[in-house]
Amino acid sequence: MKPKYILTTALLFLFFFYYLPAKTTAAANIQKKTKTRLKVYYEKLANSDKKISIILFQGTGKKMKGIENAELVLTTFDLDNERQLTTIYTDANGNAMLIIEAKYLFPKDERGYSVVKVMYSGNDSLKAAQKKVKFMDLNVDVSFEIVDSIKLITVSTFEIDSIGNPKPIEGVKLNIGVERLFSTLYLSKIETNKKGIGTMEFPEDIAGDSIGTINVIVKIDDNDDYGTITKAKKINWGTIVDYSNVSENRSLFGDEAPLWMIISVFVVLAGAWYHFILAIYKVLKIKKIEPKILNEPL
């Protein structure tokens, strides 16, 4: 065989048996990376602090699983410039949260939106992911007044324009309720008018604390522009409730049974146990009788 054919054969052998399998294996390893997803939510708290909630997970449906101890980089945008806010890490369930103080002012774009981008860089087995959340800063003010013996809750919603003047926002849907022990009891849903104002009549039968104080909650749920906003304010419009322990008379239908019933049950049980113990005692006192064997001659 000529030398050039030998060289060509050797090169083809190396290509098919070494280079091509190695390249295929590397490509397969790259394709094995699991896709990751991010969910980002914005919320303005009752004290005007801002909360960014993040969920990082892999898989879908029943196979969905949070990614633990993942590094997340949060950035915001100042005109065309992107600047980093901070870096946070997920917990065991893939959740992370950032609380931003009310005094911090997010930069806005020409439409008045603020944008926060969350980035996950991935690793050898997980793909990178990123997600943006945009929002406008809406202010919610709650006031109380009594008109002709009718208690009214008035809510005003407004934005602050570029020169610092309030701008009323129309058509904002608000949920109004009162704080209870484990949740919020919602009373009504209202919508703001052209002046950015919504009003509802407060009912007279809402229980308060020992001096009638209640905590009124106003909430905007997952608005496309403003996210979730919560506002709380206290007022003594609730009915006074005495939470002290008051001793009640004994009765058949109360918490404490009558004494005659307790004594009767005790006597019945005592008599039953007495006869039970007496029966056992009598059985133990019975003497064993040995049978007599008669030996008679055959």
C-alpha atoms as a PDB file:
ATOM      1  CA  MET A   1       0.000   0.000   0.000  1.00  0.00           C
ATOM      2  CA  LYS A   2       1.288   3.421  -0.900  1.00  0.00           C
ATOM      3  CA  PRO A   3       2.328   5.729   1.978  1.00  0.00           C
ATOM      4  CA  LYS A   4      -0.279   8.382   1.154  1.00  0.00           C
ATOM      5  CA  TYR A   5      -3.090   5.817   1.379  1.00  0.00           C
ATOM      6  CA  ILE A   6      -1.728   4.616   4.686  1.00  0.00           C
ATOM      7  CA  LEU A   7      -1.711   8.193   6.025  1.00  0.00           C
ATOM      8  CA  THR A   8      -5.254   8.839   4.780  1.00  0.00           C
ATOM      9  CA  THR A   9      -6.507   5.639   6.368  1.00  0.00           C
ATOM     10  CA  ALA A  10      -4.854   6.553   9.679  1.00  0.00           C
ATOM     11  CA  LEU A  11      -6.408  10.012   9.670  1.00  0.00           C
ATOM     12  CA  LEU A  12      -9.867   8.598   8.918  1.00  0.00           C
ATOM     13  CA  PHE A  13      -9.407   6.062  11.705  1.00  0.00           C
ATOM     14  CA  LEU A  14      -8.493   8.807  14.198  1.00  0.00           C
ATOM     15  CA  PHE A  15     -11.429  10.960  13.067  1.00  0.00           C
ATOM     16  CA  PHE A  16     -14.104   8.259  13.359  1.00  0.00           C
ATOM     17  CA  PHE A  17     -12.858   6.490  16.480  1.00  0.00           C
ATOM     18  CA  TYR A  18     -11.416   9.324  18.567  1.00  0.00           C
ATOM     19  CA  TYR A  19     -12.395  12.852  17.484  1.00  0.00           C
ATOM     20  CA  LEU A  20     -16.012  12.241  16.512  1.00  0.00           C
ATOM     21  CA  PRO A  21     -16.978  10.235  19.656  1.00  0.00           C
ATOM     22  CA  ALA A  22     -15.248  12.783  21.895  1.00  0.00           C
ATOM     23  CA  LYS A  23     -17.120  15.655  20.256  1.00  0.00           C
ATOM     24  CA  THR A  24     -20.425  13.779  20.498  1.00  0.00           C
ATOM     25  CA  THR A  25     -19.820  13.059  24.176  1.00  0.00           C
ATOM     26  CA  ALA A  26     -19.026  16.718  24.890  1.00  0.00           C
ATOM     27  CA  ALA A  27     -22.174  17.816  23.079  1.00  0.00           C
ATOM     28  CA  ALA A  28     -24.205  15.271  25.043  1.00  0.00           C
ATOM     29  CA  ASN A  29     -22.794  16.585  28.304  1.00  0.00           C
ATOM     30  CA  ILE A  30     -23.781  20.127  27.359  1.00  0.00           C
ATOM     31  CA  GLN A  31     -27.319  19.008  26.516  1.00  0.00           C
ATOM     32  CA  LYS A  32     -27.687  17.288  29.900  1.00  0.00           C
ATOM     33  CA  LYS A  33     -27.918  20.615  31.711  1.00  0.00           C
ATOM     34  CA  THR A  34     -31.292  21.039  33.410  1.00  0.00           C
ATOM     35  CA  LYS A  35     -33.403  24.064  32.576  1.00  0.00           C
ATOM     36  CA  THR A  36     -34.006  26.495  35.443  1.00  0.00           C
ATOM     37  CA  ARG A  37     -36.766  29.057  35.901  1.00  0.00           C
ATOM     38  CA  LEU A  38     -37.197  32.237  37.897  1.00  0.00           C
ATOM     39  CA  LYS A  39     -40.335  33.855  39.300  1.00  0.00           C
ATOM     40  CA  VAL A  40     -40.033  37.410  40.616  1.00  0.00           C
ATOM     41  CA  TYR A  41     -42.703  39.400  42.493  1.00  0.00           C
ATOM     42  CA  TYR A  42     -42.813  43.009  43.688  1.00  0.00           C
ATOM     43  CA  GLU A  43     -44.702  44.156  46.777  1.00  0.00           C
ATOM     44  CA  LYS A  44     -44.947  47.462  48.618  1.00  0.00           C
ATOM     45  CA  LEU A  45     -45.406  46.807  52.328  1.00  0.00           C
ATOM     46  CA  ALA A  46     -47.577  48.620  54.851  1.00  0.00           C
ATOM     47  CA  ASN A  47     -44.588  50.661  56.102  1.00  0.00           C
ATOM     48  CA  SER A  48     -43.748  51.666  52.471  1.00  0.00           C
ATOM     49  CA  ASP A  49     -40.730  49.359  52.308  1.00  0.00           C
ATOM     50  CA  LYS A  50     -40.423  47.435  49.060  1.00  0.00           C
ATOM     51  CA  LYS A  51     -40.069  43.659  48.881  1.00  0.00           C
ATOM     52  CA  ILE A  52     -38.691  41.632  45.980  1.00  0.00           C
ATOM     53  CA  SER A  53     -39.662  37.943  46.319  1.00  0.00           C
ATOM     54  CA  ILE A  54     -37.859  35.367  44.154  1.00  0.00           C
ATOM     55  CA  ILE A  55     -38.363  31.661  43.455  1.00  0.00           C
ATOM     56  CA  LEU A  56     -35.672  29.692  41.611  1.00  0.00           C
ATOM     57  CA  PHE A  57     -36.583  26.140  40.595  1.00  0.00           C
ATOM     58  CA  GLN A  58     -35.933  23.362  38.135  1.00  0.00           C
ATOM     59  CA  GLY A  59     -38.366  20.950  36.511  1.00  0.00           C
ATOM     60  CA  THR A  60     -42.123  21.291  36.054  1.00  0.00           C
ATOM     61  CA  GLY A  61     -45.270  19.959  37.704  1.00  0.00           C
ATOM     62  CA  LYS A  62     -44.682  17.318  40.373  1.00  0.00           C
ATOM     63  CA  LYS A  63     -40.985  17.220  39.477  1.00  0.00           C
ATOM     64  CA  MET A  64     -40.565  20.934  40.240  1.00  0.00           C
ATOM     65  CA  LYS A  65     -37.870  21.460  42.861  1.00  0.00           C
ATOM     66  CA  GLY A  66     -36.338  24.570  44.398  1.00  0.00           C
ATOM     67  CA  ILE A  67     -32.613  25.186  43.963  1.00  0.00           C
ATOM     68  CA  GLU A  68     -30.836  25.614  47.281  1.00  0.00           C
ATOM     69  CA  ASN A  69     -28.040  28.082  48.068  1.00  0.00           C
ATOM     70  CA  ALA A  70     -28.022  29.575  44.569  1.00  0.00           C
ATOM     71  CA  GLU A  71     -26.397  32.972  44.032  1.00  0.00           C
ATOM     72  CA  LEU A  72     -28.758  35.585  42.586  1.00  0.00           C
ATOM     73  CA  VAL A  73     -27.551  38.937  41.276  1.00  0.00           C
ATOM     74  CA  LEU A  74     -30.074  41.802  41.314  1.00  0.00           C
ATOM     75  CA  THR A  75     -29.603  44.819  39.095  1.00  0.00           C
ATOM     76  CA  THR A  76     -31.601  47.916  38.172  1.00  0.00           C
ATOM     77  CA  PHE A  77     -31.456  50.339  35.273  1.00  0.00           C
ATOM     78  CA  ASP A  78     -30.606  54.053  35.356  1.00  0.00           C
ATOM     79  CA  LEU A  79     -31.557  55.233  31.868  1.00  0.00           C
ATOM     80  CA  ASP A  80     -29.378  53.040  29.646  1.00  0.00           C
ATOM     81  CA  ASN A  81     -26.962  52.037  32.400  1.00  0.00           C
ATOM     82  CA  GLU A  82     -27.377  48.801  34.356  1.00  0.00           C
ATOM     83  CA  ARG A  83     -26.144  48.873  37.920  1.00  0.00           C
ATOM     84  CA  GLN A  84     -25.996  46.144  40.538  1.00  0.00           C
ATOM     85  CA  LEU A  85     -28.220  46.349  43.594  1.00  0.00           C
ATOM     86  CA  THR A  86     -27.008  43.382  45.630  1.00  0.00           C
ATOM     87  CA  THR A  87     -26.371  39.636  45.685  1.00  0.00           C
ATOM     88  CA  ILE A  88     -28.569  37.236  47.670  1.00  0.00           C
ATOM     89  CA  TYR A  89     -28.834  33.450  48.096  1.00  0.00           C
ATOM     90  CA  THR A  90     -31.797  31.083  47.996  1.00  0.00           C
ATOM     91  CA  ASP A  91     -32.919  28.991  50.966  1.00  0.00           C
ATOM     92  CA  ALA A  92     -33.558  25.231  51.053  1.00  0.00           C
ATOM     93  CA  ASN A  93     -36.783  25.667  49.038  1.00  0.00           C
ATOM     94  CA  GLY A  94     -35.292  27.925  46.382  1.00  0.00           C
ATOM     95  CA  ASN A  95     -36.847  31.098  47.829  1.00  0.00           C
ATOM     96  CA  ALA A  96     -35.092  34.419  48.317  1.00  0.00           C
ATOM     97  CA  MET A  97     -36.286  37.829  49.467  1.00  0.00           C
ATOM     98  CA  LEU A  98     -34.915  41.366  49.465  1.00  0.00           C
ATOM     99  CA  ILE A  99     -36.388  44.173  51.580  1.00  0.00           C
ATOM    100  CA  ILE A 100     -35.589  47.683  50.334  1.00  0.00           C
ATOM    101  CA  GLU A 101     -36.152  50.626  52.663  1.00  0.00           C
ATOM    102  CA  ALA A 102     -38.785  53.185  51.747  1.00  0.00           C
ATOM    103  CA  LYS A 103     -36.235  55.985  51.486  1.00  0.00           C
ATOM    104  CA  TYR A 104     -34.458  54.267  48.583  1.00  0.00           C
ATOM    105  CA  LEU A 105     -35.651  55.689  45.249  1.00  0.00           C
ATOM    106  CA  PHE A 106     -35.529  53.391  42.243  1.00  0.00           C
ATOM    107  CA  PRO A 107     -34.509  54.993  38.929  1.00  0.00           C
ATOM    108  CA  LYS A 108     -37.346  55.254  36.392  1.00  0.00           C
ATOM    109  CA  ASP A 109     -37.528  55.018  32.635  1.00  0.00           C
ATOM    110  CA  GLU A 110     -39.305  57.514  30.378  1.00  0.00           C
ATOM    111  CA  ARG A 111     -42.678  55.849  31.085  1.00  0.00           C
ATOM    112  CA  GLY A 112     -42.221  55.983  34.849  1.00  0.00           C
ATOM    113  CA  TYR A 113     -41.437  52.277  35.354  1.00  0.00           C
ATOM    114  CA  SER A 114     -38.698  50.950  37.599  1.00  0.00           C
ATOM    115  CA  VAL A 115     -37.075  47.670  36.552  1.00  0.00           C
ATOM    116  CA  VAL A 116     -35.295  45.040  38.642  1.00  0.00           C
ATOM    117  CA  LYS A 117     -33.506  42.168  36.895  1.00  0.00           C
ATOM    118  CA  VAL A 118     -32.641  38.924  38.676  1.00  0.00           C
ATOM    119  CA  MET A 119     -29.876  36.725  37.209  1.00  0.00           C
ATOM    120  CA  TYR A 120     -28.765  33.182  38.009  1.00  0.00           C
ATOM    121  CA  SER A 121     -25.506  32.145  36.343  1.00  0.00           C
ATOM    122  CA  GLY A 122     -26.095  28.376  36.546  1.00  0.00           C
ATOM    123  CA  ASN A 123     -23.473  25.672  37.085  1.00  0.00           C
ATOM    124  CA  ASP A 124     -22.208  22.434  35.542  1.00  0.00           C
ATOM    125  CA  SER A 125     -25.632  20.779  35.742  1.00  0.00           C
ATOM    126  CA  LEU A 126     -28.068  23.728  35.694  1.00  0.00           C
ATOM    127  CA  LYS A 127     -28.659  26.293  32.988  1.00  0.00           C
ATOM    128  CA  ALA A 128     -28.518  30.039  33.608  1.00  0.00           C
ATOM    129  CA  ALA A 129     -31.740  32.034  33.968  1.00  0.00           C
ATOM    130  CA  GLN A 130     -32.836  35.632  34.294  1.00  0.00           C
ATOM    131  CA  LYS A 131     -36.108  37.472  34.905  1.00  0.00           C
ATOM    132  CA  LYS A 132     -37.213  41.111  35.041  1.00  0.00           C
ATOM    133  CA  VAL A 133     -39.976  42.685  37.103  1.00  0.00           C
ATOM    134  CA  LYS A 134     -41.191  46.212  36.379  1.00  0.00           C
ATOM    135  CA  PHE A 135     -43.395  48.389  38.532  1.00  0.00           C
ATOM    136  CA  MET A 136     -44.562  51.928  39.210  1.00  0.00           C
ATOM    137  CA  ASP A 137     -44.444  53.474  42.661  1.00  0.00           C
ATOM    138  CA  LEU A 138     -48.042  54.098  43.752  1.00  0.00           C
ATOM    139  CA  ASN A 139     -48.865  55.887  46.995  1.00  0.00           C
ATOM    140  CA  VAL A 140     -51.951  54.850  48.986  1.00  0.00           C
ATOM    141  CA  ASP A 141     -53.417  57.067  51.704  1.00  0.00           C
ATOM    142  CA  VAL A 142     -56.201  55.989  54.094  1.00  0.00           C
ATOM    143  CA  SER A 143     -58.401  58.401  56.071  1.00  0.00           C
ATOM    144  CA  PHE A 144     -61.474  58.058  58.308  1.00  0.00           C
ATOM    145  CA  GLU A 145     -64.447  60.352  58.821  1.00  0.00           C
ATOM    146  CA  ILE A 146     -67.963  60.264  60.259  1.00  0.00           C
ATOM    147  CA  VAL A 147     -70.702  61.938  58.214  1.00  0.00           C
ATOM    148  CA  ASP A 148     -74.236  61.994  59.685  1.00  0.00           C
ATOM    149  CA  SER A 149     -73.348  59.122  62.044  1.00  0.00           C
ATOM    150  CA  ILE A 150     -72.058  57.054  59.103  1.00  0.00           C
ATOM    151  CA  LYS A 151     -68.466  55.852  59.350  1.00  0.00           C
ATOM    152  CA  LEU A 152     -66.613  56.234  56.061  1.00  0.00           C
ATOM    153  CA  ILE A 153     -63.222  54.940  54.940  1.00  0.00           C
ATOM    154  CA  THR A 154     -61.651  57.024  52.181  1.00  0.00           C
ATOM    155  CA  VAL A 155     -58.697  55.750  50.149  1.00  0.00           C
ATOM    156  CA  SER A 156     -56.730  57.938  47.755  1.00  0.00           C
ATOM    157  CA  THR A 157     -54.191  56.653  45.233  1.00  0.00           C
ATOM    158  CA  PHE A 158     -51.633  58.843  43.498  1.00  0.00           C
ATOM    159  CA  GLU A 159     -48.226  58.911  41.867  1.00  0.00           C
ATOM    160  CA  ILE A 160     -45.565  61.565  42.314  1.00  0.00           C
ATOM    161  CA  ASP A 161     -44.575  63.168  39.008  1.00  0.00           C
ATOM    162  CA  SER A 162     -41.129  64.381  37.991  1.00  0.00           C
ATOM    163  CA  ILE A 163     -41.558  67.757  39.709  1.00  0.00           C
ATOM    164  CA  GLY A 164     -42.911  66.296  42.972  1.00  0.00           C
ATOM    165  CA  ASN A 165     -46.661  66.896  42.512  1.00  0.00           C
ATOM    166  CA  PRO A 166     -49.251  64.157  43.270  1.00  0.00           C
ATOM    167  CA  LYS A 167     -51.022  62.707  40.244  1.00  0.00           C
ATOM    168  CA  PRO A 168     -54.389  60.975  41.010  1.00  0.00           C
ATOM    169  CA  ILE A 169     -54.761  57.482  39.540  1.00  0.00           C
ATOM    170  CA  GLU A 170     -58.175  56.331  38.342  1.00  0.00           C
ATOM    171  CA  GLY A 171     -59.482  52.764  38.154  1.00  0.00           C
ATOM    172  CA  VAL A 172     -57.358  51.180  40.867  1.00  0.00           C
ATOM    173  CA  LYS A 173     -59.132  48.204  42.458  1.00  0.00           C
ATOM    174  CA  LEU A 174     -58.794  48.051  46.238  1.00  0.00           C
ATOM    175  CA  ASN A 175     -59.652  45.336  48.766  1.00  0.00           C
ATOM    176  CA  ILE A 176     -60.588  46.715  52.190  1.00  0.00           C
ATOM    177  CA  GLY A 177     -60.689  44.580  55.311  1.00  0.00           C
ATOM    178  CA  VAL A 178     -59.757  44.325  58.967  1.00  0.00           C
ATOM    179  CA  GLU A 179     -56.948  42.355  60.527  1.00  0.00           C
ATOM    180  CA  ARG A 180     -58.015  39.239  62.409  1.00  0.00           C
ATOM    181  CA  LEU A 181     -55.971  36.795  64.469  1.00  0.00           C
ATOM    182  CA  PHE A 182     -54.587  34.649  61.638  1.00  0.00           C
ATOM    183  CA  SER A 183     -55.725  36.400  58.460  1.00  0.00           C
ATOM    184  CA  THR A 184     -57.544  39.437  57.039  1.00  0.00           C
ATOM    185  CA  LEU A 185     -61.332  39.649  56.992  1.00  0.00           C
ATOM    186  CA  TYR A 186     -62.130  41.474  53.751  1.00  0.00           C
ATOM    187  CA  LEU A 187     -65.255  43.645  53.837  1.00  0.00           C
ATOM    188  CA  SER A 188     -65.520  45.277  50.417  1.00  0.00           C
ATOM    189  CA  LYS A 189     -63.931  45.902  47.020  1.00  0.00           C
ATOM    190  CA  ILE A 190     -63.885  49.456  45.686  1.00  0.00           C
ATOM    191  CA  GLU A 191     -62.425  51.286  42.695  1.00  0.00           C
ATOM    192  CA  THR A 192     -60.963  54.764  42.590  1.00  0.00           C
ATOM    193  CA  ASN A 193     -62.659  57.529  40.573  1.00  0.00           C
ATOM    194  CA  LYS A 194     -61.135  60.226  38.363  1.00  0.00           C
ATOM    195  CA  LYS A 195     -59.815  61.985  41.467  1.00  0.00           C
ATOM    196  CA  GLY A 196     -58.077  58.806  42.576  1.00  0.00           C
ATOM    197  CA  ILE A 197     -60.474  58.401  45.522  1.00  0.00           C
ATOM    198  CA  GLY A 198     -62.555  55.421  46.661  1.00  0.00           C
ATOM    199  CA  THR A 199     -64.975  55.360  49.610  1.00  0.00           C
ATOM    200  CA  MET A 200     -66.810  52.667  51.570  1.00  0.00           C
ATOM    201  CA  GLU A 201     -69.177  52.658  54.530  1.00  0.00           C
ATOM    202  CA  PHE A 202     -67.769  50.860  57.524  1.00  0.00           C
ATOM    203  CA  PRO A 203     -70.133  48.332  59.209  1.00  0.00           C
ATOM    204  CA  GLU A 204     -71.103  48.682  62.860  1.00  0.00           C
ATOM    205  CA  ASP A 205     -70.729  45.038  63.906  1.00  0.00           C
ATOM    206  CA  ILE A 206     -66.962  44.500  63.540  1.00  0.00           C
ATOM    207  CA  ALA A 207     -65.369  43.338  66.783  1.00  0.00           C
ATOM    208  CA  GLY A 208     -62.322  45.218  68.037  1.00  0.00           C
ATOM    209  CA  ASP A 209     -60.081  44.784  71.043  1.00  0.00           C
ATOM    210  CA  SER A 210     -60.794  45.737  74.651  1.00  0.00           C
ATOM    211  CA  ILE A 211     -61.012  49.436  73.688  1.00  0.00           C
ATOM    212  CA  GLY A 212     -62.554  48.922  70.233  1.00  0.00           C
ATOM    213  CA  THR A 213     -59.407  49.402  68.147  1.00  0.00           C
ATOM    214  CA  ILE A 214     -59.210  47.682  64.760  1.00  0.00           C
ATOM    215  CA  ASN A 215     -56.498  47.602  62.120  1.00  0.00           C
ATOM    216  CA  VAL A 216     -57.921  48.482  58.690  1.00  0.00           C
ATOM    217  CA  ILE A 217     -56.107  46.820  55.774  1.00  0.00           C
ATOM    218  CA  VAL A 218     -56.184  48.230  52.236  1.00  0.00           C
ATOM    219  CA  LYS A 219     -54.623  45.977  49.615  1.00  0.00           C
ATOM    220  CA  ILE A 220     -53.985  46.039  45.870  1.00  0.00           C
ATOM    221  CA  ASP A 221     -53.462  42.482  44.615  1.00  0.00           C
ATOM    222  CA  ASP A 222     -50.979  41.770  41.816  1.00  0.00           C
ATOM    223  CA  ASN A 223     -51.665  44.840  39.688  1.00  0.00           C
ATOM    224  CA  ASP A 224     -49.965  44.826  36.273  1.00  0.00           C
ATOM    225  CA  ASP A 225     -48.396  48.238  36.857  1.00  0.00           C
ATOM    226  CA  TYR A 226     -48.074  48.523  40.636  1.00  0.00           C
ATOM    227  CA  GLY A 227     -47.614  44.943  41.833  1.00  0.00           C
ATOM    228  CA  THR A 228     -49.009  44.186  45.286  1.00  0.00           C
ATOM    229  CA  ILE A 229     -49.455  47.070  47.737  1.00  0.00           C
ATOM    230  CA  THR A 230     -50.593  46.879  51.352  1.00  0.00           C
ATOM    231  CA  LYS A 231     -51.560  49.783  53.597  1.00  0.00           C
ATOM    232  CA  ALA A 232     -52.667  49.506  57.236  1.00  0.00           C
ATOM    233  CA  LYS A 233     -54.112  52.045  59.647  1.00  0.00           C
ATOM    234  CA  LYS A 234     -55.726  51.748  63.088  1.00  0.00           C
ATOM    235  CA  ILE A 235     -58.992  53.328  64.282  1.00  0.00           C
ATOM    236  CA  ASN A 236     -61.251  52.715  67.293  1.00  0.00           C
ATOM    237  CA  TRP A 237     -64.401  51.916  65.295  1.00  0.00           C
ATOM    238  CA  GLY A 238     -64.795  48.311  66.426  1.00  0.00           C
ATOM    239  CA  THR A 239     -67.207  47.042  69.048  1.00  0.00           C
ATOM    240  CA  ILE A 240     -65.574  46.669  72.451  1.00  0.00           C
ATOM    241  CA  VAL A 241     -64.947  43.060  73.399  1.00  0.00           C
ATOM    242  CA  ASP A 242     -64.124  41.926  76.926  1.00  0.00           C
ATOM    243  CA  TYR A 243     -61.511  39.191  76.613  1.00  0.00           C
ATOM    244  CA  SER A 244     -61.133  38.606  80.365  1.00  0.00           C
ATOM    245  CA  ASN A 245     -62.016  35.178  81.753  1.00  0.00           C
ATOM    246  CA  VAL A 246     -65.445  35.327  83.401  1.00  0.00           C
ATOM    247  CA  SER A 247     -66.516  32.410  85.590  1.00  0.00           C
ATOM    248  CA  GLU A 248     -69.816  30.901  84.442  1.00  0.00           C
ATOM    249  CA  ASN A 249     -72.397  29.047  86.521  1.00  0.00           C
ATOM    250  CA  ARG A 250     -72.273  25.278  86.375  1.00  0.00           C
ATOM    251  CA  SER A 251     -74.842  23.836  83.967  1.00  0.00           C
ATOM    252  CA  LEU A 252     -75.524  20.816  81.796  1.00  0.00           C
ATOM    253  CA  PHE A 253     -74.617  22.711  78.625  1.00  0.00           C
ATOM    254  CA  GLY A 254     -71.727  24.799  79.984  1.00  0.00           C
ATOM    255  CA  ASP A 255     -68.013  24.175  80.319  1.00  0.00           C
ATOM    256  CA  GLU A 256     -68.406  22.942  83.936  1.00  0.00           C
ATOM    257  CA  ALA A 257     -70.868  20.199  84.924  1.00  0.00           C
ATOM    258  CA  PRO A 258     -73.161  20.570  87.993  1.00  0.00           C
ATOM    259  CA  LEU A 259     -71.818  19.206  91.281  1.00  0.00           C
ATOM    260  CA  TRP A 260     -74.701  16.727  91.690  1.00  0.00           C
ATOM    261  CA  MET A 261     -73.759  15.129  88.373  1.00  0.00           C
ATOM    262  CA  ILE A 262     -70.094  14.858  89.335  1.00  0.00           C
ATOM    263  CA  ILE A 263     -71.011  13.279  92.707  1.00  0.00           C
ATOM    264  CA  SER A 264     -73.455  10.840  91.089  1.00  0.00           C
ATOM    265  CA  VAL A 265     -70.894   9.653  88.553  1.00  0.00           C
ATOM    266  CA  PHE A 266     -68.302   9.250  91.312  1.00  0.00           C
ATOM    267  CA  VAL A 267     -70.676   7.141  93.451  1.00  0.00           C
ATOM    268  CA  VAL A 268     -71.619   4.890  90.519  1.00  0.00           C
ATOM    269  CA  LEU A 269     -67.975   4.302  89.552  1.00  0.00           C
ATOM    270  CA  ALA A 270     -66.962   3.712  93.173  1.00  0.00           C
ATOM    271  CA  GLY A 271     -69.748   1.112  93.606  1.00  0.00           C
ATOM    272  CA  ALA A 272     -68.738  -0.673  90.389  1.00  0.00           C
ATOM    273  CA  TRP A 273     -65.098  -0.895  91.418  1.00  0.00           C
ATOM    274  CA  TYR A 274     -66.093  -2.072  94.927  1.00  0.00           C
ATOM    275  CA  HIS A 275     -68.103  -5.009  93.581  1.00  0.00           C
ATOM    276  CA  PHE A 276     -65.376  -5.883  91.081  1.00  0.00           C
ATOM    277  CA  ILE A 277     -62.695  -6.048  93.795  1.00  0.00           C
ATOM    278  CA  LEU A 278     -65.070  -7.948  96.120  1.00  0.00           C
ATOM    279  CA  ALA A 279     -65.703 -10.577  93.460  1.00  0.00           C
ATOM    280  CA  ILE A 280     -61.985 -11.149  92.937  1.00  0.00           C
ATOM    281  CA  TYR A 281     -61.480 -11.431  96.706  1.00  0.00           C
ATOM    282  CA  LYS A 282     -64.239 -14.037  97.026  1.00  0.00           C
ATOM    283  CA  VAL A 283     -62.776 -16.125  94.215  1.00  0.00           C
ATOM    284  CA  LEU A 284     -59.352 -16.165  95.872  1.00  0.00           C
ATOM    285  CA  LYS A 285     -60.902 -17.301  99.187  1.00  0.00           C
ATOM    286  CA  ILE A 286     -62.420 -20.455  97.671  1.00  0.00           C
ATOM    287  CA  LYS A 287     -60.463 -23.515  98.911  1.00  0.00           C
ATOM    288  CA  LYS A 288     -59.251 -26.048  96.426  1.00  0.00           C
ATOM    289  CA  ILE A 289     -60.895 -29.424  96.970  1.00  0.00           C
ATOM    290  CA  GLU A 290     -58.642 -32.388  96.169  1.00  0.00           C
ATOM    291  CA  PRO A 291     -60.489 -35.406  94.729  1.00  0.00           C
ATOM    292  CA  LYS A 292     -60.390 -38.604  96.891  1.00  0.00           C
ATOM    293  CA  ILE A 293     -59.128 -41.730  95.161  1.00  0.00           C
ATOM    294  CA  LEU A 294     -60.705 -44.957  96.437  1.00  0.00           C
ATOM    295  CA  ASN A 295     -58.411 -47.930  96.318  1.00  0.00           C
ATOM    296  CA  GLU A 296     -60.697 -50.960  96.201  1.00  0.00           C
ATOM    297  CA  PRO A 297     -59.330 -54.502  95.744  1.00  0.00           C
ATOM    298  CA  LEU A 298     -60.113 -56.159  92.475  1.00  0.00           C
END
